[in-house]
Amino acid sequence: MAAAALAGAVWMAGCAEPELRLGKRSGVEEATSGVRPAGTSVAPGAGPTIRVLLNRSVRGLHLHSKGGLRLRGAAGIVLADLPRSTARLSCRGGQLAWNGRSLGVAEAEVGPLKRGDEVYVGGRRYRGRLILADRGGNLVLINKVGLEDYLRGVLPSEVATSGPSEALKAQAVAARSFALWQMKDSGSRPWDLDNSSDSQVYGGRDGETGATDAAVAATRGQVLAWRGQVAQAFFHSNSGGRTADSREVWGGGEAPRYLMGVFDTWSEGGKHYHWSTTVPRSTVEAALSKAGLWSGPLAAIQGRGLSDSSRWTWIELSAPDGRAVRISANVFRRVVGADRLRSTRFRVRLSGENFVFDGLGWGHGVGMSQEGAFAQAKEGRGYRAILDFYYPGAELARLKE
């Protein structure tokens, strides 16, 4: 990573990393600068606790444990023992309910009734604690888990586990940094992030692998830092040959240097470098109509406002009578389907009753290209060099535990 000063200490390759100390303010974790003297070891541990939303349901949800479930309230007081292996839990009048009977509390921890059993949520097991809560009439299930254990469930869901070890290490550092940023930015929500691609895909303990566990362990506590704070380390599948400036994608003021786009020839040989898809005109019209962005027949789709990374800023929709509307390219991609339109770097043409899209890259394009990281690792580049390439100017720092 780039050598730079952090709270009076200069980090150089091969020396002890600068340290980020986690403080608390209004119950929200945030990073503040601090420095660990060279040679000081990092104590083992799971890291700070992160809160992951696993489920949010109006109707309720089913949890399963072989010998039944036990619900505990404040101070570990037993609220209810549910001897059936499967229990239906829901909300009723602002309180938790079991099979329609109120338990008299709005939040409870759920665990196995019998020692040694495990709780399954949708067929998955999770490390840490499971918390049930009423949230505006919705039943939410939150996994409170140590950051390092959380990452063990993230990496196999976000990246190919057969990839080179140095690329997996780079992914571990980026994912750890992104999670901590989300913790800092969670506000008054009772969770920091969810388990979907809106945050980071998190599959719990059943998806863990030896290769990804090793990457998490090898980089324990390491994060990307920018000006004494944990960096917002975005990543995506393939950049299409150039990563995007964060401002291109989400707007706002000038992007920090580490989120400015770079030319990325490493991604050009990746599996998802080029893509092509055909979408029926009626499907596009229906999706845009449902989102309230368009009505009636669609004659043409044209990209407008090419960004520095050759991604469209706007999409112009045209009707046969000449009526035209402009919408954000990112909104257009999301509405039509982010798995159909893998990026906003595309050409489009009308062929009969279908729109044909040909594009480059997969994902928003900001930060690290995972396939580019794999290519670099295969050429012998280490994870520090990979991170330095995709997050120019950011530092590799270590959390104080």
Protein backbone atom coordinates (compact mmCIF):
# COMPACT_ATOMS: atom_id res chain seq x y z
CA MET A 1 0.00 0.00 0.00
CA ALA A 2 1.02 3.62 -0.33
CA ALA A 3 3.32 4.76 2.47
CA ALA A 4 1.71 7.56 4.47
CA ALA A 5 1.51 9.06 7.95
CA LEU A 6 -1.32 8.08 10.28
CA ALA A 7 -1.45 9.80 13.68
CA GLY A 8 2.28 10.47 13.55
CA ALA A 9 3.46 7.03 12.43
CA VAL A 10 4.65 6.22 8.91
CA TRP A 11 3.76 2.84 7.52
CA MET A 12 6.11 1.14 5.07
CA ALA A 13 5.88 -2.26 3.45
CA GLY A 14 7.13 -4.93 5.82
CA CYS A 15 6.67 -2.76 8.93
CA ALA A 16 3.85 -2.75 11.46
CA GLU A 17 0.68 -1.28 9.98
CA PRO A 18 -0.88 1.87 11.41
CA GLU A 19 -3.69 1.04 13.79
CA LEU A 20 -7.33 2.07 13.79
CA ARG A 21 -8.94 2.10 17.21
CA LEU A 22 -12.67 1.42 17.37
CA GLY A 23 -14.52 3.84 19.61
CA LYS A 24 -18.21 4.16 20.44
CA ARG A 25 -20.45 7.14 20.06
CA SER A 26 -24.21 6.88 20.45
CA GLY A 27 -23.89 3.09 20.25
CA VAL A 28 -22.37 3.21 16.76
CA GLU A 29 -18.88 1.86 16.14
CA GLU A 30 -16.58 4.34 14.41
CA ALA A 31 -12.91 4.32 13.54
CA THR A 32 -10.51 6.82 15.06
CA SER A 33 -6.80 6.92 14.45
CA GLY A 34 -4.26 5.40 16.78
CA VAL A 35 -0.90 3.70 16.39
CA ARG A 36 0.37 0.36 17.61
CA PRO A 37 4.10 0.39 18.37
CA ALA A 38 6.14 -1.76 16.01
CA GLY A 39 6.34 -5.37 17.12
CA THR A 40 3.18 -5.30 19.26
CA SER A 41 1.11 -8.43 18.66
CA VAL A 42 -2.60 -8.52 18.03
CA ALA A 43 -4.62 -10.46 20.56
CA PRO A 44 -6.74 -13.26 19.10
CA GLY A 45 -10.49 -12.69 19.04
CA ALA A 46 -13.55 -12.38 16.89
CA GLY A 47 -13.21 -8.61 16.56
CA PRO A 48 -16.02 -6.11 17.14
CA THR A 49 -19.58 -7.42 17.08
CA ILE A 50 -21.54 -6.75 13.92
CA ARG A 51 -25.33 -6.94 13.56
CA VAL A 52 -26.59 -8.64 10.40
CA LEU A 53 -30.24 -8.58 9.34
CA LEU A 54 -31.13 -12.13 8.27
CA ASN A 55 -34.88 -11.85 7.84
CA ARG A 56 -37.60 -9.22 7.87
CA SER A 57 -41.14 -10.57 7.57
CA VAL A 58 -44.68 -9.29 8.10
CA ARG A 59 -46.13 -12.82 8.31
CA GLY A 60 -43.51 -14.31 10.60
CA LEU A 61 -40.76 -16.86 10.17
CA HIS A 62 -39.93 -20.45 10.95
CA LEU A 63 -36.92 -21.47 13.02
CA HIS A 64 -35.87 -25.07 13.57
CA SER A 65 -33.85 -26.95 16.17
CA LYS A 66 -33.91 -30.69 16.68
CA GLY A 67 -34.83 -30.57 20.37
CA GLY A 68 -36.86 -27.35 20.39
CA LEU A 69 -36.13 -23.68 20.99
CA ARG A 70 -35.61 -21.46 24.03
CA LEU A 71 -36.30 -17.71 24.09
CA ARG A 72 -34.47 -15.48 26.56
CA GLY A 73 -35.08 -11.87 27.46
CA ALA A 74 -33.01 -9.27 29.29
CA ALA A 75 -30.35 -10.65 31.67
CA GLY A 76 -30.83 -14.12 30.20
CA ILE A 77 -34.27 -14.65 31.76
CA VAL A 78 -36.09 -17.57 30.12
CA LEU A 79 -39.25 -16.30 28.44
CA ALA A 80 -40.45 -19.50 26.83
CA ASP A 81 -39.41 -23.02 26.01
CA LEU A 82 -40.74 -24.20 22.68
CA PRO A 83 -40.47 -28.00 22.74
CA ARG A 84 -41.54 -28.51 19.16
CA SER A 85 -38.67 -28.76 16.73
CA THR A 86 -40.21 -26.03 14.58
CA ALA A 87 -41.91 -22.91 15.96
CA ARG A 88 -43.81 -20.16 14.21
CA LEU A 89 -42.85 -16.76 15.58
CA SER A 90 -44.56 -13.48 14.71
CA CYS A 91 -45.44 -10.00 16.00
CA ARG A 92 -48.65 -9.15 17.80
CA GLY A 93 -49.45 -5.70 19.15
CA GLY A 94 -45.81 -4.63 19.15
CA GLN A 95 -44.67 -7.77 20.97
CA LEU A 96 -43.28 -11.15 19.97
CA ALA A 97 -45.73 -14.02 19.75
CA TRP A 98 -45.37 -17.79 19.55
CA ASN A 99 -48.10 -19.59 17.62
CA GLY A 100 -50.28 -16.50 18.13
CA ARG A 101 -49.64 -16.17 21.90
CA SER A 102 -47.92 -12.95 23.08
CA LEU A 103 -44.64 -13.36 24.95
CA GLY A 104 -44.85 -9.90 26.53
CA VAL A 105 -41.57 -8.54 25.09
CA ALA A 106 -40.51 -6.83 21.88
CA GLU A 107 -37.10 -8.51 21.67
CA ALA A 108 -35.63 -11.87 22.63
CA GLU A 109 -32.62 -14.08 21.98
CA VAL A 110 -33.39 -17.45 20.45
CA GLY A 111 -31.28 -20.56 21.00
CA PRO A 112 -31.60 -24.36 21.19
CA LEU A 113 -33.59 -25.87 24.04
CA LYS A 114 -31.14 -28.76 24.38
CA ARG A 115 -27.42 -28.28 24.89
CA GLY A 116 -25.44 -29.23 21.80
CA ASP A 117 -28.30 -28.68 19.36
CA GLU A 118 -28.21 -25.94 16.74
CA VAL A 119 -30.75 -23.47 15.40
CA TYR A 120 -31.48 -23.43 11.67
CA VAL A 121 -32.79 -20.37 9.85
CA GLY A 122 -34.03 -21.29 6.40
CA GLY A 123 -31.80 -24.36 6.54
CA ARG A 124 -28.70 -22.36 7.50
CA ARG A 125 -26.71 -22.16 10.73
CA TYR A 126 -25.06 -19.01 12.02
CA ARG A 127 -22.30 -18.31 14.50
CA GLY A 128 -22.87 -15.82 17.29
CA ARG A 129 -26.29 -14.93 18.70
CA LEU A 130 -29.73 -14.78 17.06
CA ILE A 131 -32.01 -11.91 18.13
CA LEU A 132 -35.72 -11.69 17.33
CA ALA A 133 -37.37 -8.28 17.48
CA ASP A 134 -40.50 -6.39 16.49
CA ARG A 135 -39.69 -3.56 14.10
CA GLY A 136 -42.79 -1.56 13.16
CA GLY A 137 -44.95 -4.67 12.95
CA ASN A 138 -42.32 -6.68 11.08
CA LEU A 139 -40.54 -9.59 12.71
CA VAL A 140 -36.81 -9.16 12.22
CA LEU A 141 -34.09 -11.69 12.91
CA ILE A 142 -30.62 -10.29 13.59
CA ASN A 143 -27.37 -12.21 13.88
CA LYS A 144 -24.95 -10.61 16.35
CA VAL A 145 -21.59 -12.07 15.44
CA GLY A 146 -17.92 -11.23 15.74
CA LEU A 147 -16.53 -9.48 12.67
CA GLU A 148 -13.98 -12.20 11.88
CA ASP A 149 -16.61 -14.95 12.09
CA TYR A 150 -18.93 -12.84 9.95
CA LEU A 151 -16.26 -12.63 7.26
CA ARG A 152 -15.93 -16.42 7.25
CA GLY A 153 -19.56 -16.50 6.05
CA VAL A 154 -19.13 -13.63 3.59
CA LEU A 155 -16.12 -14.59 1.50
CA PRO A 156 -17.49 -17.90 0.12
CA SER A 157 -20.67 -16.05 -0.92
CA GLU A 158 -18.91 -13.11 -2.57
CA VAL A 159 -15.95 -14.66 -4.38
CA ALA A 160 -14.89 -17.95 -6.01
CA THR A 161 -13.32 -19.99 -3.22
CA SER A 162 -10.99 -21.73 -5.68
CA GLY A 163 -9.23 -18.44 -6.42
CA PRO A 164 -5.58 -17.65 -5.64
CA SER A 165 -4.87 -17.14 -1.94
CA GLU A 166 -3.53 -13.58 -2.39
CA ALA A 167 -6.74 -12.54 -4.14
CA LEU A 168 -8.80 -14.08 -1.32
CA LYS A 169 -6.74 -12.11 1.20
CA ALA A 170 -7.41 -8.90 -0.73
CA GLN A 171 -11.12 -9.75 -0.66
CA ALA A 172 -10.99 -10.35 3.10
CA VAL A 173 -9.45 -6.92 3.73
CA ALA A 174 -11.95 -5.19 1.43
CA ALA A 175 -14.94 -7.00 2.95
CA ARG A 176 -13.76 -6.26 6.50
CA SER A 177 -13.34 -2.58 5.64
CA PHE A 178 -16.73 -2.38 3.95
CA ALA A 179 -18.46 -4.01 6.92
CA LEU A 180 -16.88 -1.58 9.39
CA TRP A 181 -17.90 1.36 7.22
CA GLN A 182 -21.48 0.06 7.25
CA MET A 183 -21.35 -0.24 11.05
CA LYS A 184 -20.32 3.39 11.25
CA ASP A 185 -23.10 4.46 8.88
CA SER A 186 -25.99 2.36 10.26
CA GLY A 187 -27.59 5.22 12.22
CA SER A 188 -30.50 4.23 14.48
CA ARG A 189 -31.22 0.90 12.77
CA PRO A 190 -30.97 -2.16 15.03
CA TRP A 191 -28.73 -3.77 12.38
CA ASP A 192 -25.56 -2.65 10.60
CA LEU A 193 -26.09 -4.42 7.27
CA ASP A 194 -28.14 -7.22 5.77
CA ASN A 195 -27.21 -10.57 4.27
CA SER A 196 -27.93 -9.67 0.62
CA SER A 197 -25.94 -8.09 -2.20
CA ASP A 198 -27.30 -4.71 -1.04
CA SER A 199 -24.66 -5.03 1.70
CA GLN A 200 -22.54 -8.19 1.42
CA VAL A 201 -23.90 -11.65 0.73
CA TYR A 202 -23.59 -13.63 3.98
CA GLY A 203 -24.29 -17.34 4.10
CA GLY A 204 -23.49 -18.17 7.72
CA ARG A 205 -21.33 -21.06 8.83
CA ASP A 206 -22.52 -23.70 6.34
CA GLY A 207 -20.75 -22.05 3.41
CA GLU A 208 -17.39 -21.67 5.14
CA THR A 209 -14.36 -23.19 3.39
CA GLY A 210 -10.77 -23.83 4.38
CA ALA A 211 -9.38 -21.50 1.72
CA THR A 212 -11.53 -18.51 2.68
CA ASP A 213 -11.10 -19.16 6.41
CA ALA A 214 -7.34 -19.07 5.85
CA ALA A 215 -7.62 -15.72 4.03
CA VAL A 216 -9.62 -14.22 6.88
CA ALA A 217 -7.16 -15.55 9.47
CA ALA A 218 -4.09 -14.37 7.55
CA THR A 219 -5.43 -10.80 7.41
CA ARG A 220 -7.08 -10.73 10.85
CA GLY A 221 -7.87 -7.17 11.85
CA GLN A 222 -6.44 -5.61 8.69
CA VAL A 223 -8.47 -2.86 7.00
CA LEU A 224 -8.04 -0.16 4.41
CA ALA A 225 -7.80 3.32 5.87
CA TRP A 226 -8.10 6.81 4.45
CA ARG A 227 -7.15 9.86 6.50
CA GLY A 228 -7.41 8.00 9.78
CA GLN A 229 -10.81 6.43 9.04
CA VAL A 230 -11.84 3.02 7.73
CA ALA A 231 -12.19 3.23 3.95
CA GLN A 232 -15.42 2.47 2.09
CA ALA A 233 -13.91 -0.40 0.14
CA PHE A 234 -16.39 -1.18 -2.62
CA PHE A 235 -15.78 -4.16 -4.91
CA HIS A 236 -17.44 -5.78 -7.93
CA SER A 237 -17.02 -8.75 -10.28
CA ASN A 238 -15.30 -7.22 -13.32
CA SER A 239 -14.49 -3.60 -14.19
CA GLY A 240 -14.78 -4.01 -17.96
CA GLY A 241 -11.28 -2.56 -18.37
CA ARG A 242 -11.63 0.55 -16.21
CA THR A 243 -12.94 1.04 -12.70
CA ALA A 244 -15.41 3.84 -12.05
CA ASP A 245 -15.10 6.97 -9.97
CA SER A 246 -17.62 6.61 -7.12
CA ARG A 247 -19.14 9.96 -8.10
CA GLU A 248 -20.04 8.53 -11.54
CA VAL A 249 -22.17 5.87 -9.92
CA TRP A 250 -23.70 7.49 -6.84
CA GLY A 251 -23.16 11.22 -7.40
CA GLY A 252 -22.16 13.50 -4.55
CA GLY A 253 -19.03 15.56 -4.17
CA GLU A 254 -15.53 14.78 -5.33
CA ALA A 255 -14.59 11.17 -4.71
CA PRO A 256 -11.71 10.41 -2.36
CA ARG A 257 -8.58 9.46 -4.23
CA TYR A 258 -8.88 5.77 -3.37
CA LEU A 259 -12.30 5.60 -5.08
CA MET A 260 -11.22 7.26 -8.31
CA GLY A 261 -11.21 5.09 -11.41
CA VAL A 262 -8.10 3.35 -12.77
CA PHE A 263 -7.36 1.66 -16.10
CA ASP A 264 -7.63 -2.06 -15.45
CA THR A 265 -6.23 -4.34 -18.14
CA TRP A 266 -6.11 -7.13 -15.52
CA SER A 267 -9.87 -7.59 -15.87
CA GLU A 268 -9.88 -7.99 -19.64
CA GLY A 269 -9.34 -11.73 -19.59
CA GLY A 270 -11.99 -12.37 -16.95
CA LYS A 271 -15.00 -14.62 -17.42
CA HIS A 272 -17.40 -11.69 -17.07
CA TYR A 273 -15.43 -9.09 -19.02
CA HIS A 274 -17.89 -9.14 -21.94
CA TRP A 275 -21.60 -9.80 -21.80
CA SER A 276 -24.56 -9.81 -24.18
CA THR A 277 -28.25 -10.18 -23.49
CA THR A 278 -31.53 -9.94 -25.38
CA VAL A 279 -34.56 -8.51 -23.59
CA PRO A 280 -38.06 -8.41 -25.14
CA ARG A 281 -39.29 -4.88 -25.69
CA SER A 282 -42.47 -5.72 -23.75
CA THR A 283 -40.37 -6.79 -20.73
CA VAL A 284 -38.50 -3.49 -20.68
CA GLU A 285 -41.74 -1.52 -21.08
CA ALA A 286 -43.42 -3.45 -18.27
CA ALA A 287 -40.46 -2.99 -15.88
CA LEU A 288 -40.25 0.75 -16.54
CA SER A 289 -44.03 1.13 -16.21
CA LYS A 290 -44.09 -0.74 -12.90
CA ALA A 291 -41.40 1.60 -11.58
CA GLY A 292 -43.40 4.64 -12.68
CA LEU A 293 -40.71 5.75 -15.13
CA TRP A 294 -42.46 5.20 -18.46
CA SER A 295 -45.82 4.49 -20.04
CA GLY A 296 -46.75 3.26 -23.50
CA PRO A 297 -44.67 1.77 -26.33
CA LEU A 298 -40.92 2.23 -26.40
CA ALA A 299 -39.22 2.96 -29.73
CA ALA A 300 -35.59 3.44 -28.71
CA ILE A 301 -33.11 3.35 -25.83
CA GLN A 302 -29.99 5.51 -26.06
CA GLY A 303 -27.11 6.10 -23.69
CA ARG A 304 -26.26 9.72 -22.87
CA GLY A 305 -23.46 11.42 -20.96
CA LEU A 306 -20.51 9.05 -21.26
CA SER A 307 -18.44 9.12 -18.04
CA ASP A 308 -14.65 9.06 -17.75
CA SER A 309 -14.80 5.27 -17.41
CA SER A 310 -17.03 4.92 -20.51
CA ARG A 311 -20.19 4.21 -18.51
CA TRP A 312 -23.49 5.89 -19.31
CA THR A 313 -24.70 8.56 -16.92
CA TRP A 314 -28.18 8.81 -18.41
CA ILE A 315 -30.49 6.68 -20.51
CA GLU A 316 -32.88 8.38 -22.94
CA LEU A 317 -36.16 6.56 -23.58
CA SER A 318 -38.05 7.50 -26.76
CA ALA A 319 -41.62 6.83 -27.88
CA PRO A 320 -42.77 6.43 -31.52
CA ASP A 321 -44.36 9.92 -31.36
CA GLY A 322 -41.04 11.52 -30.42
CA ARG A 323 -41.71 11.85 -26.70
CA ALA A 324 -38.50 11.34 -24.73
CA VAL A 325 -37.56 10.91 -21.06
CA ARG A 326 -34.13 10.74 -19.43
CA ILE A 327 -33.46 8.61 -16.36
CA SER A 328 -30.32 7.68 -14.45
CA ALA A 329 -28.39 4.85 -16.10
CA ASN A 330 -27.98 3.13 -12.74
CA VAL A 331 -31.72 3.35 -12.09
CA PHE A 332 -32.41 1.95 -15.57
CA ARG A 333 -30.07 -0.98 -14.93
CA ARG A 334 -31.67 -1.73 -11.57
CA VAL A 335 -35.22 -1.54 -12.94
CA VAL A 336 -34.57 -3.75 -15.98
CA GLY A 337 -32.51 -6.12 -13.81
CA ALA A 338 -28.91 -5.89 -12.63
CA ASP A 339 -28.33 -9.53 -13.59
CA ARG A 340 -29.62 -8.86 -17.10
CA LEU A 341 -27.74 -5.59 -17.59
CA ARG A 342 -24.49 -6.40 -15.88
CA SER A 343 -23.12 -2.87 -16.08
CA THR A 344 -23.92 0.58 -17.47
CA ARG A 345 -21.11 0.21 -20.00
CA PHE A 346 -23.07 -1.10 -23.00
CA ARG A 347 -24.38 -0.55 -26.51
CA VAL A 348 -28.02 -1.24 -27.30
CA ARG A 349 -30.00 -1.76 -30.47
CA LEU A 350 -33.57 -2.74 -31.35
CA SER A 351 -33.83 -5.99 -33.28
CA GLY A 352 -37.41 -6.82 -34.17
CA GLU A 353 -39.33 -6.88 -30.88
CA ASN A 354 -36.20 -7.25 -28.74
CA PHE A 355 -33.57 -4.91 -27.34
CA VAL A 356 -30.07 -6.37 -27.69
CA PHE A 357 -27.47 -5.16 -25.18
CA ASP A 358 -23.72 -5.73 -25.59
CA GLY A 359 -21.56 -4.61 -22.68
CA LEU A 360 -18.37 -4.83 -20.67
CA GLY A 361 -17.88 -5.65 -17.00
CA TRP A 362 -20.18 -6.80 -14.22
CA GLY A 363 -21.20 -4.61 -11.31
CA HIS A 364 -21.08 -0.94 -10.43
CA GLY A 365 -17.37 -0.77 -11.27
CA VAL A 366 -16.19 1.09 -8.14
CA GLY A 367 -13.19 -0.19 -6.19
CA MET A 368 -11.71 -3.65 -6.62
CA SER A 369 -12.45 -5.88 -9.58
CA GLN A 370 -12.54 -9.42 -8.20
CA GLU A 371 -11.59 -11.01 -11.52
CA GLY A 372 -8.82 -8.45 -11.95
CA ALA A 373 -7.56 -9.34 -8.48
CA PHE A 374 -7.51 -13.02 -9.45
CA ALA A 375 -5.49 -12.22 -12.58
CA GLN A 376 -2.97 -10.20 -10.59
CA ALA A 377 -2.57 -12.94 -7.98
CA LYS A 378 -1.99 -15.53 -10.70
CA GLU A 379 0.87 -13.37 -11.96
CA GLY A 380 2.47 -13.41 -8.51
CA ARG A 381 1.26 -10.10 -7.11
CA GLY A 382 0.53 -10.12 -3.38
CA TYR A 383 -2.64 -8.88 -1.73
CA ARG A 384 -1.04 -5.60 -0.64
CA ALA A 385 -0.12 -4.80 -4.24
CA ILE A 386 -3.63 -5.74 -5.41
CA LEU A 387 -5.24 -3.44 -2.85
CA ASP A 388 -2.80 -0.66 -3.68
CA PHE A 389 -3.77 -0.91 -7.36
CA TYR A 390 -7.54 -0.77 -6.83
CA TYR A 391 -7.59 1.66 -3.88
CA PRO A 392 -4.78 4.11 -4.74
CA GLY A 393 -3.65 6.18 -1.78
CA ALA A 394 -5.41 4.06 0.87
CA GLU A 395 -3.35 2.51 3.66
CA LEU A 396 -3.34 -0.96 5.10
CA ALA A 397 -4.04 -0.52 8.81
CA ARG A 398 -4.78 -2.84 11.73
CA LEU A 399 -7.68 -2.68 14.18
CA LYS A 400 -6.85 -2.57 17.86
CA GLU A 401 -8.61 -5.41 19.63
